[in-house]
Amino acid sequence: MRFLLIIIAFAVVAYMAFAAMLYTMQERMVHLPQIPGRELVATPDKLGLEWQDLTITTEDNVDLHGWHVKSPQARGTLLFFHGNAGNISHRLDSIEIFSELGLDVVIFDYRGYGQSEGRAHEQGLRRDARAAAEWLEENRDGLAGPKTVYFGRSLGGPLAAEAAAHRQPSALILESTFTSAEDVAGDIYPFFPTRLLTRLEYPTAKYLRQTDQPVLVVHSPEDEIIPFQHSQQLLEIAGDRGQMLQIRGDHNTGFRVSGDTYISGLRDFIRSIGED
């Protein structure tokens, strides 16, 4: 009996310790600018595309670094909100795809990522997203076409949705993303009271309800990090203005391994967008 009580006590202590870690370490667990690193490993020169550096200054005076990458046959501009690890130089494969689809790409690093100033945290990243959308509006004369698309992948999904709710672009693409931080925490840690422990919000669903533009939801049922049901719920929220592009593969490589299914799905959606 004593041994059993010791085991139970140990389990309770371990459970409480892990719960405390989840509560206190959320920002560090979610924001991973150090993986694989903050150094830029390449530029759009590798793709043979014309580009220039840009600086976006946020409302709290943090300077964010980004690129404006030009497509030879641009018909519009895509604002790229990337995921929770790495930096803009790790997204060249996606930049190449969008360039071939006739879109200039404006991509930037959140605070604490790449060459951007500051430290990564949710409220800061949400300010960064709004600042990037504002920069796009203020510099429309130097951008391709009137058509603007916000693209958010993974952690970039809620940021793109929030920016779209405030700025109303031509269209919104949400790829491999989630309904909210609380919801995805419940999926990953089902045996913990995540509603009490989750301090992060990242409320994609909330802001999607405040948008009125066409929405493309892209996801793979094989995603091992974000369950496919999140995209199904986002599609339901989007209603008649929503479309689903189902791809295959895991969370980080699905868009690559899906090949023409992915590219043709994006092309069809982009062609369907009316110009502002």
C-alpha atoms as a PDB file:
ATOM      1  CA  MET A   1       0.000   0.000   0.000  1.00  0.00           C
ATOM      2  CA  ARG A   2       2.803   2.387   0.885  1.00  0.00           C
ATOM      3  CA  PHE A   3       4.478   1.730  -2.458  1.00  0.00           C
ATOM      4  CA  LEU A   4       1.202   2.415  -4.253  1.00  0.00           C
ATOM      5  CA  LEU A   5       0.791   5.706  -2.398  1.00  0.00           C
ATOM      6  CA  ILE A   6       4.328   6.696  -3.369  1.00  0.00           C
ATOM      7  CA  ILE A   7       3.572   5.957  -7.028  1.00  0.00           C
ATOM      8  CA  ILE A   8       0.354   7.979  -6.861  1.00  0.00           C
ATOM      9  CA  ALA A   9       2.113  10.883  -5.150  1.00  0.00           C
ATOM     10  CA  PHE A  10       4.876  10.828  -7.748  1.00  0.00           C
ATOM     11  CA  ALA A  11       2.326  10.818 -10.577  1.00  0.00           C
ATOM     12  CA  VAL A  12       0.448  13.758  -9.046  1.00  0.00           C
ATOM     13  CA  VAL A  13       3.645  15.756  -8.596  1.00  0.00           C
ATOM     14  CA  ALA A  14       4.758  14.993 -12.166  1.00  0.00           C
ATOM     15  CA  TYR A  15       1.326  15.970 -13.523  1.00  0.00           C
ATOM     16  CA  MET A  16       1.340  19.253 -11.608  1.00  0.00           C
ATOM     17  CA  ALA A  17       4.918  20.008 -12.651  1.00  0.00           C
ATOM     18  CA  PHE A  18       4.123  19.446 -16.322  1.00  0.00           C
ATOM     19  CA  ALA A  19       0.964  21.539 -16.039  1.00  0.00           C
ATOM     20  CA  ALA A  20       3.012  24.346 -14.479  1.00  0.00           C
ATOM     21  CA  MET A  21       5.534  24.095 -17.303  1.00  0.00           C
ATOM     22  CA  LEU A  22       2.755  24.303 -19.900  1.00  0.00           C
ATOM     23  CA  TYR A  23       1.406  27.421 -18.242  1.00  0.00           C
ATOM     24  CA  THR A  24       4.692  29.264 -17.775  1.00  0.00           C
ATOM     25  CA  MET A  25       6.601  28.182 -20.904  1.00  0.00           C
ATOM     26  CA  GLN A  26       3.934  28.662 -23.585  1.00  0.00           C
ATOM     27  CA  GLU A  27       5.594  31.539 -25.392  1.00  0.00           C
ATOM     28  CA  ARG A  28       8.889  29.647 -25.664  1.00  0.00           C
ATOM     29  CA  MET A  29       7.201  26.406 -26.706  1.00  0.00           C
ATOM     30  CA  VAL A  30       5.225  28.079 -29.502  1.00  0.00           C
ATOM     31  CA  HIS A  31       7.622  30.733 -30.822  1.00  0.00           C
ATOM     32  CA  LEU A  32      10.751  29.059 -32.189  1.00  0.00           C
ATOM     33  CA  PRO A  33      12.836  31.621 -34.109  1.00  0.00           C
ATOM     34  CA  GLN A  34      16.003  29.776 -33.095  1.00  0.00           C
ATOM     35  CA  ILE A  35      14.983  26.622 -35.006  1.00  0.00           C
ATOM     36  CA  PRO A  36      16.787  26.178 -37.349  1.00  0.00           C
ATOM     37  CA  GLY A  37      18.205  29.663 -36.733  1.00  0.00           C
ATOM     38  CA  ARG A  38      17.811  33.405 -37.174  1.00  0.00           C
ATOM     39  CA  GLU A  39      20.522  33.730 -39.818  1.00  0.00           C
ATOM     40  CA  LEU A  40      19.279  34.228 -43.363  1.00  0.00           C
ATOM     41  CA  VAL A  41      20.523  31.238 -45.345  1.00  0.00           C
ATOM     42  CA  ALA A  42      19.570  32.500 -48.827  1.00  0.00           C
ATOM     43  CA  THR A  43      17.854  35.318 -50.703  1.00  0.00           C
ATOM     44  CA  PRO A  44      15.529  35.439 -53.738  1.00  0.00           C
ATOM     45  CA  ASP A  45      18.686  35.756 -55.852  1.00  0.00           C
ATOM     46  CA  LYS A  46      18.664  31.962 -55.658  1.00  0.00           C
ATOM     47  CA  LEU A  47      15.405  31.998 -57.628  1.00  0.00           C
ATOM     48  CA  GLY A  48      16.585  34.580 -60.136  1.00  0.00           C
ATOM     49  CA  LEU A  49      13.844  36.978 -59.045  1.00  0.00           C
ATOM     50  CA  GLU A  50      13.986  40.742 -58.631  1.00  0.00           C
ATOM     51  CA  TRP A  51      13.616  41.748 -55.002  1.00  0.00           C
ATOM     52  CA  GLN A  52      14.378  44.389 -52.417  1.00  0.00           C
ATOM     53  CA  ASP A  53      14.700  44.595 -48.650  1.00  0.00           C
ATOM     54  CA  LEU A  54      12.012  46.413 -46.734  1.00  0.00           C
ATOM     55  CA  THR A  55      11.510  47.647 -43.192  1.00  0.00           C
ATOM     56  CA  ILE A  56       8.155  47.712 -41.425  1.00  0.00           C
ATOM     57  CA  THR A  57       7.920  49.735 -38.216  1.00  0.00           C
ATOM     58  CA  THR A  58       5.250  48.655 -35.746  1.00  0.00           C
ATOM     59  CA  GLU A  59       3.102  50.846 -33.500  1.00  0.00           C
ATOM     60  CA  ASP A  60       5.480  50.095 -30.597  1.00  0.00           C
ATOM     61  CA  ASN A  61       8.518  51.078 -32.716  1.00  0.00           C
ATOM     62  CA  VAL A  62       9.926  47.642 -33.488  1.00  0.00           C
ATOM     63  CA  ASP A  63      11.597  47.407 -36.905  1.00  0.00           C
ATOM     64  CA  LEU A  64      10.713  44.279 -38.858  1.00  0.00           C
ATOM     65  CA  HIS A  65      12.781  43.051 -41.788  1.00  0.00           C
ATOM     66  CA  GLY A  66      11.194  41.721 -44.941  1.00  0.00           C
ATOM     67  CA  TRP A  67      11.403  41.337 -48.698  1.00  0.00           C
ATOM     68  CA  HIS A  68       9.350  42.516 -51.636  1.00  0.00           C
ATOM     69  CA  VAL A  69       9.844  39.820 -54.275  1.00  0.00           C
ATOM     70  CA  LYS A  70       8.608  40.696 -57.766  1.00  0.00           C
ATOM     71  CA  SER A  71       6.974  38.284 -60.191  1.00  0.00           C
ATOM     72  CA  PRO A  72       7.767  38.800 -63.906  1.00  0.00           C
ATOM     73  CA  GLN A  73       4.049  38.552 -64.764  1.00  0.00           C
ATOM     74  CA  ALA A  74       2.504  39.900 -61.570  1.00  0.00           C
ATOM     75  CA  ARG A  75      -1.243  40.494 -61.444  1.00  0.00           C
ATOM     76  CA  GLY A  76      -1.432  41.133 -57.724  1.00  0.00           C
ATOM     77  CA  THR A  77       0.428  40.982 -54.414  1.00  0.00           C
ATOM     78  CA  LEU A  78       0.469  38.333 -51.698  1.00  0.00           C
ATOM     79  CA  LEU A  79       1.269  39.192 -48.068  1.00  0.00           C
ATOM     80  CA  PHE A  80       2.925  36.128 -46.517  1.00  0.00           C
ATOM     81  CA  PHE A  81       2.519  35.322 -42.787  1.00  0.00           C
ATOM     82  CA  HIS A  82       4.874  32.415 -42.095  1.00  0.00           C
ATOM     83  CA  GLY A  83       4.858  29.723 -39.408  1.00  0.00           C
ATOM     84  CA  ASN A  84       6.406  29.524 -35.971  1.00  0.00           C
ATOM     85  CA  ALA A  85       9.975  28.455 -36.792  1.00  0.00           C
ATOM     86  CA  GLY A  86      12.758  29.707 -39.030  1.00  0.00           C
ATOM     87  CA  ASN A  87      12.673  32.933 -41.013  1.00  0.00           C
ATOM     88  CA  ILE A  88      11.813  34.333 -44.429  1.00  0.00           C
ATOM     89  CA  SER A  89      14.837  32.702 -46.062  1.00  0.00           C
ATOM     90  CA  HIS A  90      13.343  29.278 -45.298  1.00  0.00           C
ATOM     91  CA  ARG A  91      10.261  30.104 -47.432  1.00  0.00           C
ATOM     92  CA  LEU A  92      11.893  30.441 -50.850  1.00  0.00           C
ATOM     93  CA  ASP A  93      10.079  27.371 -52.198  1.00  0.00           C
ATOM     94  CA  SER A  94       6.721  28.982 -51.408  1.00  0.00           C
ATOM     95  CA  ILE A  95       7.846  32.353 -52.774  1.00  0.00           C
ATOM     96  CA  GLU A  96       8.761  30.629 -56.041  1.00  0.00           C
ATOM     97  CA  ILE A  97       5.314  29.016 -56.285  1.00  0.00           C
ATOM     98  CA  PHE A  98       3.476  32.295 -55.749  1.00  0.00           C
ATOM     99  CA  SER A  99       5.754  34.102 -58.184  1.00  0.00           C
ATOM    100  CA  GLU A 100       4.963  31.515 -60.860  1.00  0.00           C
ATOM    101  CA  LEU A 101       1.267  32.063 -60.119  1.00  0.00           C
ATOM    102  CA  GLY A 102       1.655  35.740 -61.017  1.00  0.00           C
ATOM    103  CA  LEU A 103       1.873  37.315 -57.575  1.00  0.00           C
ATOM    104  CA  ASP A 104       4.448  39.633 -56.096  1.00  0.00           C
ATOM    105  CA  VAL A 105       5.269  38.480 -52.568  1.00  0.00           C
ATOM    106  CA  VAL A 106       5.722  40.695 -49.528  1.00  0.00           C
ATOM    107  CA  ILE A 107       7.110  38.513 -46.750  1.00  0.00           C
ATOM    108  CA  PHE A 108       8.414  39.653 -43.376  1.00  0.00           C
ATOM    109  CA  ASP A 109       9.843  38.226 -40.170  1.00  0.00           C
ATOM    110  CA  TYR A 110       8.000  38.730 -36.910  1.00  0.00           C
ATOM    111  CA  ARG A 111       9.793  40.372 -34.006  1.00  0.00           C
ATOM    112  CA  GLY A 112      12.545  38.111 -32.695  1.00  0.00           C
ATOM    113  CA  TYR A 113      12.757  36.223 -35.998  1.00  0.00           C
ATOM    114  CA  GLY A 114      15.426  36.565 -38.678  1.00  0.00           C
ATOM    115  CA  GLN A 115      16.800  40.111 -38.860  1.00  0.00           C
ATOM    116  CA  SER A 116      13.797  41.711 -37.157  1.00  0.00           C
ATOM    117  CA  GLU A 117      14.213  43.447 -33.827  1.00  0.00           C
ATOM    118  CA  GLY A 118      12.574  42.543 -30.536  1.00  0.00           C
ATOM    119  CA  ARG A 119      11.447  39.392 -28.753  1.00  0.00           C
ATOM    120  CA  ALA A 120       8.753  37.032 -29.976  1.00  0.00           C
ATOM    121  CA  HIS A 121       5.466  36.981 -28.019  1.00  0.00           C
ATOM    122  CA  GLU A 122       1.829  36.743 -29.055  1.00  0.00           C
ATOM    123  CA  GLN A 123       0.747  40.346 -28.598  1.00  0.00           C
ATOM    124  CA  GLY A 124       3.893  41.475 -30.377  1.00  0.00           C
ATOM    125  CA  LEU A 125       3.328  39.173 -33.347  1.00  0.00           C
ATOM    126  CA  ARG A 126      -0.254  40.394 -33.627  1.00  0.00           C
ATOM    127  CA  ARG A 127       1.018  43.988 -33.744  1.00  0.00           C
ATOM    128  CA  ASP A 128       3.495  42.900 -36.410  1.00  0.00           C
ATOM    129  CA  ALA A 129       0.711  41.420 -38.544  1.00  0.00           C
ATOM    130  CA  ARG A 130      -1.336  44.606 -38.375  1.00  0.00           C
ATOM    131  CA  ALA A 131       1.746  46.699 -39.178  1.00  0.00           C
ATOM    132  CA  ALA A 132       2.531  44.573 -42.241  1.00  0.00           C
ATOM    133  CA  ALA A 133      -1.031  44.939 -43.531  1.00  0.00           C
ATOM    134  CA  GLU A 134      -0.842  48.693 -42.976  1.00  0.00           C
ATOM    135  CA  TRP A 135       2.502  48.842 -44.814  1.00  0.00           C
ATOM    136  CA  LEU A 136       0.923  47.057 -47.762  1.00  0.00           C
ATOM    137  CA  GLU A 137      -1.909  49.590 -47.898  1.00  0.00           C
ATOM    138  CA  GLU A 138       0.432  52.560 -47.647  1.00  0.00           C
ATOM    139  CA  ASN A 139       2.693  51.247 -50.427  1.00  0.00           C
ATOM    140  CA  ARG A 140       0.066  50.042 -52.887  1.00  0.00           C
ATOM    141  CA  ASP A 141       1.349  52.380 -55.616  1.00  0.00           C
ATOM    142  CA  GLY A 142       4.617  50.437 -55.730  1.00  0.00           C
ATOM    143  CA  LEU A 143       2.962  47.009 -55.747  1.00  0.00           C
ATOM    144  CA  ALA A 144       1.592  44.858 -58.537  1.00  0.00           C
ATOM    145  CA  GLY A 145      -2.078  45.206 -59.430  1.00  0.00           C
ATOM    146  CA  PRO A 146      -5.044  45.978 -57.193  1.00  0.00           C
ATOM    147  CA  LYS A 147      -5.485  42.330 -56.156  1.00  0.00           C
ATOM    148  CA  THR A 148      -4.163  41.562 -52.641  1.00  0.00           C
ATOM    149  CA  VAL A 149      -4.078  38.131 -51.026  1.00  0.00           C
ATOM    150  CA  TYR A 150      -3.217  37.404 -47.392  1.00  0.00           C
ATOM    151  CA  PHE A 151      -1.616  33.986 -46.907  1.00  0.00           C
ATOM    152  CA  GLY A 152      -1.139  32.476 -43.446  1.00  0.00           C
ATOM    153  CA  ARG A 153       0.535  29.123 -42.866  1.00  0.00           C
ATOM    154  CA  SER A 154       0.293  27.369 -39.469  1.00  0.00           C
ATOM    155  CA  LEU A 155       0.948  30.049 -36.805  1.00  0.00           C
ATOM    156  CA  GLY A 156       0.611  32.616 -39.574  1.00  0.00           C
ATOM    157  CA  GLY A 157      -3.045  31.643 -40.000  1.00  0.00           C
ATOM    158  CA  PRO A 158      -4.477  33.563 -37.037  1.00  0.00           C
ATOM    159  CA  LEU A 159      -2.226  36.515 -37.850  1.00  0.00           C
ATOM    160  CA  ALA A 160      -3.433  36.632 -41.450  1.00  0.00           C
ATOM    161  CA  ALA A 161      -7.063  36.294 -40.339  1.00  0.00           C
ATOM    162  CA  GLU A 162      -6.741  39.138 -37.833  1.00  0.00           C
ATOM    163  CA  ALA A 163      -5.056  41.379 -40.396  1.00  0.00           C
ATOM    164  CA  ALA A 164      -7.767  40.523 -42.941  1.00  0.00           C
ATOM    165  CA  ALA A 165     -10.497  41.446 -40.459  1.00  0.00           C
ATOM    166  CA  HIS A 166      -8.983  44.921 -40.144  1.00  0.00           C
ATOM    167  CA  ARG A 167      -7.878  45.560 -43.746  1.00  0.00           C
ATOM    168  CA  GLN A 168     -10.189  43.497 -45.990  1.00  0.00           C
ATOM    169  CA  PRO A 169      -7.862  42.186 -48.738  1.00  0.00           C
ATOM    170  CA  SER A 170      -9.180  40.621 -51.946  1.00  0.00           C
ATOM    171  CA  ALA A 171      -8.857  37.107 -50.522  1.00  0.00           C
ATOM    172  CA  LEU A 172      -7.504  35.075 -47.620  1.00  0.00           C
ATOM    173  CA  ILE A 173      -5.655  31.734 -47.757  1.00  0.00           C
ATOM    174  CA  LEU A 174      -5.305  29.721 -44.537  1.00  0.00           C
ATOM    175  CA  GLU A 175      -2.944  26.760 -44.802  1.00  0.00           C
ATOM    176  CA  SER A 176      -2.399  24.044 -42.169  1.00  0.00           C
ATOM    177  CA  THR A 177      -3.692  26.268 -39.404  1.00  0.00           C
ATOM    178  CA  PHE A 178      -5.963  26.005 -36.359  1.00  0.00           C
ATOM    179  CA  THR A 179      -9.119  27.521 -34.904  1.00  0.00           C
ATOM    180  CA  SER A 180      -7.443  28.828 -31.727  1.00  0.00           C
ATOM    181  CA  ALA A 181      -4.458  28.134 -29.485  1.00  0.00           C
ATOM    182  CA  GLU A 182      -6.781  26.800 -26.803  1.00  0.00           C
ATOM    183  CA  ASP A 183      -8.381  24.328 -29.204  1.00  0.00           C
ATOM    184  CA  VAL A 184      -5.114  22.945 -30.514  1.00  0.00           C
ATOM    185  CA  ALA A 185      -3.696  22.699 -26.980  1.00  0.00           C
ATOM    186  CA  GLY A 186      -6.690  20.553 -26.070  1.00  0.00           C
ATOM    187  CA  ASP A 187      -5.879  18.249 -28.990  1.00  0.00           C
ATOM    188  CA  ILE A 188      -2.217  17.906 -28.039  1.00  0.00           C
ATOM    189  CA  TYR A 189      -2.722  17.637 -24.262  1.00  0.00           C
ATOM    190  CA  PRO A 190      -6.175  16.043 -23.799  1.00  0.00           C
ATOM    191  CA  PHE A 191      -5.521  15.040 -20.174  1.00  0.00           C
ATOM    192  CA  PHE A 192      -4.818  18.587 -19.006  1.00  0.00           C
ATOM    193  CA  PRO A 193      -7.299  21.422 -18.272  1.00  0.00           C
ATOM    194  CA  THR A 194      -6.125  23.429 -21.260  1.00  0.00           C
ATOM    195  CA  ARG A 195      -8.927  25.993 -20.944  1.00  0.00           C
ATOM    196  CA  LEU A 196      -7.393  26.995 -17.621  1.00  0.00           C
ATOM    197  CA  LEU A 197      -3.760  26.590 -18.639  1.00  0.00           C
ATOM    198  CA  THR A 198      -3.735  28.217 -22.088  1.00  0.00           C
ATOM    199  CA  ARG A 199      -2.720  31.871 -21.938  1.00  0.00           C
ATOM    200  CA  LEU A 200      -2.150  32.219 -25.670  1.00  0.00           C
ATOM    201  CA  GLU A 201      -5.143  33.073 -27.845  1.00  0.00           C
ATOM    202  CA  TYR A 202      -4.309  33.164 -31.563  1.00  0.00           C
ATOM    203  CA  PRO A 203      -8.056  33.195 -32.330  1.00  0.00           C
ATOM    204  CA  THR A 204      -8.239  32.352 -36.031  1.00  0.00           C
ATOM    205  CA  ALA A 205     -11.927  31.430 -35.907  1.00  0.00           C
ATOM    206  CA  LYS A 206     -12.865  34.643 -34.105  1.00  0.00           C
ATOM    207  CA  TYR A 207     -11.303  36.878 -36.747  1.00  0.00           C
ATOM    208  CA  LEU A 208     -12.417  34.738 -39.670  1.00  0.00           C
ATOM    209  CA  ARG A 209     -15.989  35.510 -38.605  1.00  0.00           C
ATOM    210  CA  GLN A 210     -15.180  39.215 -39.025  1.00  0.00           C
ATOM    211  CA  THR A 211     -14.023  38.898 -42.638  1.00  0.00           C
ATOM    212  CA  ASP A 212     -16.139  38.893 -45.784  1.00  0.00           C
ATOM    213  CA  GLN A 213     -13.692  38.031 -48.574  1.00  0.00           C
ATOM    214  CA  PRO A 214     -13.259  34.675 -50.380  1.00  0.00           C
ATOM    215  CA  VAL A 215     -11.344  32.153 -48.264  1.00  0.00           C
ATOM    216  CA  LEU A 216      -9.291  29.137 -49.342  1.00  0.00           C
ATOM    217  CA  VAL A 217      -8.587  26.616 -46.579  1.00  0.00           C
ATOM    218  CA  VAL A 218      -5.643  24.300 -47.347  1.00  0.00           C
ATOM    219  CA  HIS A 219      -4.869  21.256 -45.210  1.00  0.00           C
ATOM    220  CA  SER A 220      -3.793  17.623 -45.226  1.00  0.00           C
ATOM    221  CA  PRO A 221      -5.641  14.919 -43.253  1.00  0.00           C
ATOM    222  CA  GLU A 222      -2.163  13.475 -42.605  1.00  0.00           C
ATOM    223  CA  ASP A 223      -1.044  16.573 -40.664  1.00  0.00           C
ATOM    224  CA  GLU A 224       0.503  15.230 -37.457  1.00  0.00           C
ATOM    225  CA  ILE A 225       0.557  18.577 -35.616  1.00  0.00           C
ATOM    226  CA  ILE A 226      -2.698  20.383 -36.449  1.00  0.00           C
ATOM    227  CA  PRO A 227      -5.678  18.007 -36.764  1.00  0.00           C
ATOM    228  CA  PHE A 228      -7.589  18.261 -40.042  1.00  0.00           C
ATOM    229  CA  GLN A 229     -10.795  19.000 -38.116  1.00  0.00           C
ATOM    230  CA  HIS A 230      -9.547  22.542 -37.457  1.00  0.00           C
ATOM    231  CA  SER A 231      -9.684  23.349 -41.162  1.00  0.00           C
ATOM    232  CA  GLN A 232     -13.096  21.726 -41.465  1.00  0.00           C
ATOM    233  CA  GLN A 233     -14.352  24.046 -38.728  1.00  0.00           C
ATOM    234  CA  LEU A 234     -12.770  27.080 -40.406  1.00  0.00           C
ATOM    235  CA  LEU A 235     -14.399  26.110 -43.695  1.00  0.00           C
ATOM    236  CA  GLU A 236     -17.768  25.912 -41.942  1.00  0.00           C
ATOM    237  CA  ILE A 237     -17.261  29.404 -40.507  1.00  0.00           C
ATOM    238  CA  ALA A 238     -16.378  30.774 -43.952  1.00  0.00           C
ATOM    239  CA  GLY A 239     -19.643  29.404 -45.324  1.00  0.00           C
ATOM    240  CA  ASP A 240     -20.448  30.069 -48.982  1.00  0.00           C
ATOM    241  CA  ARG A 241     -17.314  32.167 -49.481  1.00  0.00           C
ATOM    242  CA  GLY A 242     -15.041  29.293 -48.399  1.00  0.00           C
ATOM    243  CA  GLN A 243     -13.294  26.637 -50.487  1.00  0.00           C
ATOM    244  CA  MET A 244     -11.267  23.622 -49.347  1.00  0.00           C
ATOM    245  CA  LEU A 245      -8.046  22.468 -50.990  1.00  0.00           C
ATOM    246  CA  GLN A 246      -7.177  19.066 -49.546  1.00  0.00           C
ATOM    247  CA  ILE A 247      -3.527  18.136 -49.899  1.00  0.00           C
ATOM    248  CA  ARG A 248      -1.483  15.191 -48.622  1.00  0.00           C
ATOM    249  CA  GLY A 249       1.625  14.830 -46.495  1.00  0.00           C
ATOM    250  CA  ASP A 250       2.682  16.053 -43.078  1.00  0.00           C
ATOM    251  CA  HIS A 251       2.468  19.484 -41.487  1.00  0.00           C
ATOM    252  CA  ASN A 252       5.704  20.922 -42.819  1.00  0.00           C
ATOM    253  CA  THR A 253       6.053  19.260 -46.223  1.00  0.00           C
ATOM    254  CA  GLY A 254       2.463  18.743 -47.383  1.00  0.00           C
ATOM    255  CA  PHE A 255       2.514  21.642 -49.833  1.00  0.00           C
ATOM    256  CA  ARG A 256       5.704  20.271 -51.406  1.00  0.00           C
ATOM    257  CA  VAL A 257       4.723  16.610 -51.737  1.00  0.00           C
ATOM    258  CA  SER A 258       1.259  17.492 -53.045  1.00  0.00           C
ATOM    259  CA  GLY A 259       2.816  18.923 -56.188  1.00  0.00           C
ATOM    260  CA  ASP A 260       0.358  19.899 -58.909  1.00  0.00           C
ATOM    261  CA  THR A 261      -2.667  19.295 -56.667  1.00  0.00           C
ATOM    262  CA  TYR A 262      -1.455  22.144 -54.481  1.00  0.00           C
ATOM    263  CA  ILE A 263      -0.310  24.476 -57.249  1.00  0.00           C
ATOM    264  CA  SER A 264      -3.351  24.030 -59.484  1.00  0.00           C
ATOM    265  CA  GLY A 265      -5.664  24.482 -56.489  1.00  0.00           C
ATOM    266  CA  LEU A 266      -4.000  27.780 -55.638  1.00  0.00           C
ATOM    267  CA  ARG A 267      -4.071  28.860 -59.288  1.00  0.00           C
ATOM    268  CA  ASP A 268      -7.790  28.181 -59.639  1.00  0.00           C
ATOM    269  CA  PHE A 269      -8.585  30.092 -56.454  1.00  0.00           C
ATOM    270  CA  ILE A 270      -6.429  33.088 -57.364  1.00  0.00           C
ATOM    271  CA  ARG A 271      -7.984  33.264 -60.829  1.00  0.00           C
ATOM    272  CA  SER A 272     -11.448  33.272 -59.262  1.00  0.00           C
ATOM    273  CA  ILE A 273     -10.771  36.373 -57.170  1.00  0.00           C
ATOM    274  CA  GLY A 274     -12.429  39.547 -58.380  1.00  0.00           C
ATOM    275  CA  GLU A 275     -10.231  42.625 -58.441  1.00  0.00           C
ATOM    276  CA  ASP A 276     -10.797  45.380 -55.879  1.00  0.00           C
END
